[in-house]
Amino acid sequence: MKLTFLIGFFITFCSNLSFAQTINNDIVQETNSTQNLNAIRNTVAVGQAYKKEDFGAWTLRCVRTEEGVDPCQLFQLLLGPDGSPVAEFTMINLQPSENIVAGANVVTPLETLLTSQLIIKVGDKMNQTYPFSFCVEIGCVARVGFSNTDLENYKKGNSAVITIVPANAPDSPQNLTLSLKGFTDGHTALTTQ
């Protein structure tokens, strides 16, 4: 049931975004005070996303609910070498299990070679590969689970390299930089709200 909710939330959340074109147009801008945040929250419709706070390279985005307990995600847009949007990295708040303490969804373009899988390397640590789970209108999704060690590496690191392979250029993997600046504070905000 939690998985169904997370997938439904993810699809609903992402449907408010036009991936890689107008990624932030539907996100109401951040404010610095609780009073201003409540004012902005009250101007968005139920189900609409708003920007709650920035943490370095990360943005805490939430979706307004009727109940007032808005689910949030920690988001970073990954850019290609020319500065154009290529992929999304979104940390989700989930209940930790014995082996998995955090999770993320990585959305890549529909033209990604899925059999090459998603590769993530944090600092000088070993590459980790993740299969793509499904594709939706905005792109293909790889779900990433973090062990305690993985999460600590993200918190201590400066950046990670996300590697995807374009289907039309299988010999030319594309390396995208995931900044980890602000990750620790952002993840803390995500998990303590």
C-alpha atoms as a PDB file:
ATOM      1  CA  MET A   1       0.000   0.000   0.000  1.00  0.00           C
ATOM      2  CA  LYS A   2       2.853   2.403   0.838  1.00  0.00           C
ATOM      3  CA  LEU A   3       4.480   1.622  -2.516  1.00  0.00           C
ATOM      4  CA  THR A   4       1.211   2.351  -4.329  1.00  0.00           C
ATOM      5  CA  PHE A   5       0.911   5.658  -2.456  1.00  0.00           C
ATOM      6  CA  LEU A   6       4.527   6.599  -3.239  1.00  0.00           C
ATOM      7  CA  ILE A   7       4.149   5.777  -6.933  1.00  0.00           C
ATOM      8  CA  GLY A   8       0.797   7.593  -7.068  1.00  0.00           C
ATOM      9  CA  PHE A   9       2.253  10.582  -5.232  1.00  0.00           C
ATOM     10  CA  PHE A  10       5.286  10.593  -7.507  1.00  0.00           C
ATOM     11  CA  ILE A  11       3.167  10.497 -10.682  1.00  0.00           C
ATOM     12  CA  THR A  12       0.763  13.135  -9.320  1.00  0.00           C
ATOM     13  CA  PHE A  13       3.660  15.314  -8.203  1.00  0.00           C
ATOM     14  CA  CYS A  14       5.454  15.010 -11.515  1.00  0.00           C
ATOM     15  CA  SER A  15       2.316  15.554 -13.576  1.00  0.00           C
ATOM     16  CA  ASN A  16       2.374  19.164 -12.381  1.00  0.00           C
ATOM     17  CA  LEU A  17       5.775  19.539 -14.014  1.00  0.00           C
ATOM     18  CA  SER A  18       6.638  19.628 -17.689  1.00  0.00           C
ATOM     19  CA  PHE A  19       9.902  17.747 -17.459  1.00  0.00           C
ATOM     20  CA  ALA A  20      12.969  19.477 -18.927  1.00  0.00           C
ATOM     21  CA  GLN A  21      11.023  22.413 -20.382  1.00  0.00           C
ATOM     22  CA  THR A  22       9.119  24.407 -17.791  1.00  0.00           C
ATOM     23  CA  ILE A  23      10.248  22.454 -14.768  1.00  0.00           C
ATOM     24  CA  ASN A  24       9.690  25.216 -12.206  1.00  0.00           C
ATOM     25  CA  ASN A  25       6.852  27.222 -13.755  1.00  0.00           C
ATOM     26  CA  ASP A  26       4.181  25.460 -11.684  1.00  0.00           C
ATOM     27  CA  ILE A  27       6.169  25.640  -8.453  1.00  0.00           C
ATOM     28  CA  VAL A  28       5.326  28.653  -6.339  1.00  0.00           C
ATOM     29  CA  GLN A  29       8.524  30.362  -5.186  1.00  0.00           C
ATOM     30  CA  GLU A  30      10.105  29.982  -1.754  1.00  0.00           C
ATOM     31  CA  THR A  31       9.653  32.382   1.116  1.00  0.00           C
ATOM     32  CA  ASN A  32      11.792  32.854   4.201  1.00  0.00           C
ATOM     33  CA  SER A  33       9.179  33.183   6.933  1.00  0.00           C
ATOM     34  CA  THR A  34       6.515  30.835   8.200  1.00  0.00           C
ATOM     35  CA  GLN A  35       3.894  33.547   7.726  1.00  0.00           C
ATOM     36  CA  ASN A  36       4.871  34.020   4.067  1.00  0.00           C
ATOM     37  CA  LEU A  37       5.076  30.245   3.547  1.00  0.00           C
ATOM     38  CA  ASN A  38       1.548  29.833   4.901  1.00  0.00           C
ATOM     39  CA  ALA A  39       0.356  32.678   2.672  1.00  0.00           C
ATOM     40  CA  ILE A  40       1.881  31.017  -0.408  1.00  0.00           C
ATOM     41  CA  ARG A  41       0.624  27.592   0.632  1.00  0.00           C
ATOM     42  CA  ASN A  42      -2.882  29.027   0.929  1.00  0.00           C
ATOM     43  CA  THR A  43      -2.737  30.460  -2.610  1.00  0.00           C
ATOM     44  CA  VAL A  44      -2.038  27.118  -4.284  1.00  0.00           C
ATOM     45  CA  ALA A  45      -4.782  24.637  -5.015  1.00  0.00           C
ATOM     46  CA  VAL A  46      -4.957  21.261  -3.327  1.00  0.00           C
ATOM     47  CA  GLY A  47      -2.687  18.934  -5.298  1.00  0.00           C
ATOM     48  CA  GLN A  48      -0.451  21.749  -6.566  1.00  0.00           C
ATOM     49  CA  ALA A  49       3.262  21.812  -5.766  1.00  0.00           C
ATOM     50  CA  TYR A  50       5.021  24.673  -4.041  1.00  0.00           C
ATOM     51  CA  LYS A  51       8.628  25.392  -3.137  1.00  0.00           C
ATOM     52  CA  LYS A  52       9.078  25.291   0.619  1.00  0.00           C
ATOM     53  CA  GLU A  53      12.814  25.878   1.054  1.00  0.00           C
ATOM     54  CA  ASP A  54      16.231  25.661  -0.605  1.00  0.00           C
ATOM     55  CA  PHE A  55      19.210  23.808   0.854  1.00  0.00           C
ATOM     56  CA  GLY A  56      22.258  24.550  -1.282  1.00  0.00           C
ATOM     57  CA  ALA A  57      21.674  22.755  -4.585  1.00  0.00           C
ATOM     58  CA  TRP A  58      18.504  21.052  -3.278  1.00  0.00           C
ATOM     59  CA  THR A  59      14.904  22.248  -3.097  1.00  0.00           C
ATOM     60  CA  LEU A  60      12.285  20.977  -0.671  1.00  0.00           C
ATOM     61  CA  ARG A  61       9.057  20.852  -2.694  1.00  0.00           C
ATOM     62  CA  CYS A  62       5.695  19.986  -1.231  1.00  0.00           C
ATOM     63  CA  VAL A  63       2.201  19.262  -2.507  1.00  0.00           C
ATOM     64  CA  ARG A  64      -0.691  20.989  -0.760  1.00  0.00           C
ATOM     65  CA  THR A  65      -3.253  18.719   0.848  1.00  0.00           C
ATOM     66  CA  GLU A  66      -6.617  19.478   2.410  1.00  0.00           C
ATOM     67  CA  GLU A  67      -5.452  18.096   5.748  1.00  0.00           C
ATOM     68  CA  GLY A  68      -2.579  20.597   5.997  1.00  0.00           C
ATOM     69  CA  VAL A  69       0.120  17.919   6.326  1.00  0.00           C
ATOM     70  CA  ASP A  70       1.799  18.380   2.964  1.00  0.00           C
ATOM     71  CA  PRO A  71       4.035  15.575   1.660  1.00  0.00           C
ATOM     72  CA  CYS A  72       7.394  16.853   0.494  1.00  0.00           C
ATOM     73  CA  GLN A  73      10.308  15.694  -1.628  1.00  0.00           C
ATOM     74  CA  LEU A  74      13.914  16.861  -1.832  1.00  0.00           C
ATOM     75  CA  PHE A  75      14.618  17.710  -5.463  1.00  0.00           C
ATOM     76  CA  GLN A  76      17.531  18.526  -7.741  1.00  0.00           C
ATOM     77  CA  LEU A  77      17.412  19.103 -11.478  1.00  0.00           C
ATOM     78  CA  LEU A  78      20.425  17.586 -13.260  1.00  0.00           C
ATOM     79  CA  LEU A  79      21.815  19.581 -16.162  1.00  0.00           C
ATOM     80  CA  GLY A  80      23.724  18.458 -19.224  1.00  0.00           C
ATOM     81  CA  PRO A  81      27.059  19.946 -20.337  1.00  0.00           C
ATOM     82  CA  ASP A  82      25.214  22.680 -22.259  1.00  0.00           C
ATOM     83  CA  GLY A  83      23.183  23.663 -19.185  1.00  0.00           C
ATOM     84  CA  SER A  84      19.929  22.149 -20.397  1.00  0.00           C
ATOM     85  CA  PRO A  85      17.776  20.048 -18.021  1.00  0.00           C
ATOM     86  CA  VAL A  86      18.336  16.309 -18.479  1.00  0.00           C
ATOM     87  CA  ALA A  87      17.160  14.415 -15.392  1.00  0.00           C
ATOM     88  CA  GLU A  88      15.567  14.790 -11.966  1.00  0.00           C
ATOM     89  CA  PHE A  89      16.832  13.370  -8.673  1.00  0.00           C
ATOM     90  CA  THR A  90      14.139  13.314  -6.004  1.00  0.00           C
ATOM     91  CA  MET A  91      14.603  12.057  -2.445  1.00  0.00           C
ATOM     92  CA  ILE A  92      11.396  10.699  -0.973  1.00  0.00           C
ATOM     93  CA  ASN A  93      10.437  10.326   2.652  1.00  0.00           C
ATOM     94  CA  LEU A  94       9.812   6.670   3.398  1.00  0.00           C
ATOM     95  CA  GLN A  95       9.655   4.479   6.437  1.00  0.00           C
ATOM     96  CA  PRO A  96      13.084   2.911   6.937  1.00  0.00           C
ATOM     97  CA  SER A  97      13.338  -0.857   6.817  1.00  0.00           C
ATOM     98  CA  GLU A  98      16.097  -3.120   8.071  1.00  0.00           C
ATOM     99  CA  ASN A  99      18.301  -2.518   5.003  1.00  0.00           C
ATOM    100  CA  ILE A 100      16.878   0.616   3.339  1.00  0.00           C
ATOM    101  CA  VAL A 101      16.840   3.883   5.300  1.00  0.00           C
ATOM    102  CA  ALA A 102      16.096   6.348   2.485  1.00  0.00           C
ATOM    103  CA  GLY A 103      14.856   6.346  -1.087  1.00  0.00           C
ATOM    104  CA  ALA A 104      14.985   8.371  -4.269  1.00  0.00           C
ATOM    105  CA  ASN A 105      13.452   8.404  -7.718  1.00  0.00           C
ATOM    106  CA  VAL A 106      15.639   9.380 -10.645  1.00  0.00           C
ATOM    107  CA  VAL A 107      13.763  10.401 -13.787  1.00  0.00           C
ATOM    108  CA  THR A 108      15.672  10.312 -17.073  1.00  0.00           C
ATOM    109  CA  PRO A 109      14.538  11.109 -20.633  1.00  0.00           C
ATOM    110  CA  LEU A 110      12.383   8.603 -22.496  1.00  0.00           C
ATOM    111  CA  GLU A 111      15.289   8.135 -24.922  1.00  0.00           C
ATOM    112  CA  THR A 112      17.430   6.461 -22.210  1.00  0.00           C
ATOM    113  CA  LEU A 113      18.801   3.002 -22.978  1.00  0.00           C
ATOM    114  CA  LEU A 114      17.090   1.138 -20.149  1.00  0.00           C
ATOM    115  CA  THR A 115      19.196  -2.011 -20.333  1.00  0.00           C
ATOM    116  CA  SER A 116      22.294   0.003 -19.431  1.00  0.00           C
ATOM    117  CA  GLN A 117      20.673   0.869 -16.103  1.00  0.00           C
ATOM    118  CA  LEU A 118      21.359   3.959 -14.017  1.00  0.00           C
ATOM    119  CA  ILE A 119      24.861   4.245 -12.564  1.00  0.00           C
ATOM    120  CA  ILE A 120      25.666   6.389  -9.520  1.00  0.00           C
ATOM    121  CA  LYS A 121      29.134   7.056  -8.139  1.00  0.00           C
ATOM    122  CA  VAL A 122      29.555   9.151  -4.991  1.00  0.00           C
ATOM    123  CA  GLY A 123      33.050  10.570  -4.653  1.00  0.00           C
ATOM    124  CA  ASP A 124      35.641   7.808  -4.956  1.00  0.00           C
ATOM    125  CA  LYS A 125      33.227   5.053  -3.891  1.00  0.00           C
ATOM    126  CA  MET A 126      32.368   2.100  -6.141  1.00  0.00           C
ATOM    127  CA  ASN A 127      29.704   2.535  -8.852  1.00  0.00           C
ATOM    128  CA  GLN A 128      26.224   1.389  -7.928  1.00  0.00           C
ATOM    129  CA  THR A 129      23.734   0.369 -10.616  1.00  0.00           C
ATOM    130  CA  TYR A 130      19.960   0.608 -10.438  1.00  0.00           C
ATOM    131  CA  PRO A 131      17.463  -0.831 -12.912  1.00  0.00           C
ATOM    132  CA  PHE A 132      14.748   1.321 -14.396  1.00  0.00           C
ATOM    133  CA  SER A 133      11.365   0.421 -12.891  1.00  0.00           C
ATOM    134  CA  PHE A 134       8.933   2.026 -15.325  1.00  0.00           C
ATOM    135  CA  CYS A 135       8.445   4.849 -17.803  1.00  0.00           C
ATOM    136  CA  VAL A 136       5.749   7.519 -17.726  1.00  0.00           C
ATOM    137  CA  GLU A 137       4.989  10.488 -19.939  1.00  0.00           C
ATOM    138  CA  ILE A 138       7.797  12.611 -18.479  1.00  0.00           C
ATOM    139  CA  GLY A 139      10.548   9.989 -18.528  1.00  0.00           C
ATOM    140  CA  CYS A 140      11.858   6.700 -17.176  1.00  0.00           C
ATOM    141  CA  VAL A 141      12.190   6.100 -13.450  1.00  0.00           C
ATOM    142  CA  ALA A 142      14.910   4.289 -11.537  1.00  0.00           C
ATOM    143  CA  ARG A 143      14.137   3.775  -7.867  1.00  0.00           C
ATOM    144  CA  VAL A 144      17.167   4.045  -5.585  1.00  0.00           C
ATOM    145  CA  GLY A 145      17.341   2.579  -2.093  1.00  0.00           C
ATOM    146  CA  PHE A 146      19.933   3.839   0.378  1.00  0.00           C
ATOM    147  CA  SER A 147      21.585   1.825   3.126  1.00  0.00           C
ATOM    148  CA  ASN A 148      22.956   3.674   6.158  1.00  0.00           C
ATOM    149  CA  THR A 149      26.399   3.605   4.515  1.00  0.00           C
ATOM    150  CA  ASP A 150      25.035   5.019   1.240  1.00  0.00           C
ATOM    151  CA  LEU A 151      23.238   7.821   3.054  1.00  0.00           C
ATOM    152  CA  GLU A 152      26.362   8.707   5.041  1.00  0.00           C
ATOM    153  CA  ASN A 153      28.401   8.822   1.809  1.00  0.00           C
ATOM    154  CA  TYR A 154      25.927  11.310   0.340  1.00  0.00           C
ATOM    155  CA  LYS A 155      26.053  13.420   3.494  1.00  0.00           C
ATOM    156  CA  LYS A 156      29.882  13.466   3.526  1.00  0.00           C
ATOM    157  CA  GLY A 157      30.369  13.869  -0.222  1.00  0.00           C
ATOM    158  CA  ASN A 158      30.650  16.945  -2.405  1.00  0.00           C
ATOM    159  CA  SER A 159      29.098  15.466  -5.531  1.00  0.00           C
ATOM    160  CA  ALA A 160      28.001  12.305  -7.247  1.00  0.00           C
ATOM    161  CA  VAL A 161      28.118  11.331 -10.907  1.00  0.00           C
ATOM    162  CA  ILE A 162      24.919   9.962 -12.433  1.00  0.00           C
ATOM    163  CA  THR A 163      25.552   8.077 -15.679  1.00  0.00           C
ATOM    164  CA  ILE A 164      22.832   7.412 -18.231  1.00  0.00           C
ATOM    165  CA  VAL A 165      23.181   6.043 -21.735  1.00  0.00           C
ATOM    166  CA  PRO A 166      21.215   7.607 -24.608  1.00  0.00           C
ATOM    167  CA  ALA A 167      19.417   4.970 -26.691  1.00  0.00           C
ATOM    168  CA  ASN A 168      20.464   6.717 -29.904  1.00  0.00           C
ATOM    169  CA  ALA A 169      24.142   6.874 -28.816  1.00  0.00           C
ATOM    170  CA  PRO A 170      24.852   3.714 -26.791  1.00  0.00           C
ATOM    171  CA  ASP A 171      28.615   4.253 -27.044  1.00  0.00           C
ATOM    172  CA  SER A 172      28.366   7.745 -25.528  1.00  0.00           C
ATOM    173  CA  PRO A 173      27.296   7.543 -21.870  1.00  0.00           C
ATOM    174  CA  GLN A 174      26.268  10.883 -20.404  1.00  0.00           C
ATOM    175  CA  ASN A 175      27.686  11.822 -16.994  1.00  0.00           C
ATOM    176  CA  LEU A 176      25.578  14.243 -14.967  1.00  0.00           C
ATOM    177  CA  THR A 177      26.799  15.908 -11.778  1.00  0.00           C
ATOM    178  CA  LEU A 178      24.604  15.651  -8.697  1.00  0.00           C
ATOM    179  CA  SER A 179      25.704  18.309  -6.227  1.00  0.00           C
ATOM    180  CA  LEU A 180      25.580  17.206  -2.612  1.00  0.00           C
ATOM    181  CA  LYS A 181      25.861  20.774  -1.302  1.00  0.00           C
ATOM    182  CA  GLY A 182      23.031  21.185   1.206  1.00  0.00           C
ATOM    183  CA  PHE A 183      22.064  17.497   1.055  1.00  0.00           C
ATOM    184  CA  THR A 184      22.451  16.835   4.787  1.00  0.00           C
ATOM    185  CA  ASP A 185      20.281  19.786   5.864  1.00  0.00           C
ATOM    186  CA  GLY A 186      17.765  19.093   3.127  1.00  0.00           C
ATOM    187  CA  HIS A 187      17.467  15.424   4.020  1.00  0.00           C
ATOM    188  CA  THR A 188      17.046  16.334   7.695  1.00  0.00           C
ATOM    189  CA  ALA A 189      14.253  18.769   6.787  1.00  0.00           C
ATOM    190  CA  LEU A 190      12.593  16.119   4.623  1.00  0.00           C
ATOM    191  CA  THR A 191      12.622  13.454   7.325  1.00  0.00           C
ATOM    192  CA  THR A 192      11.651  15.657  10.282  1.00  0.00           C
ATOM    193  CA  GLN A 193       8.667  17.497   8.856  1.00  0.00           C
END
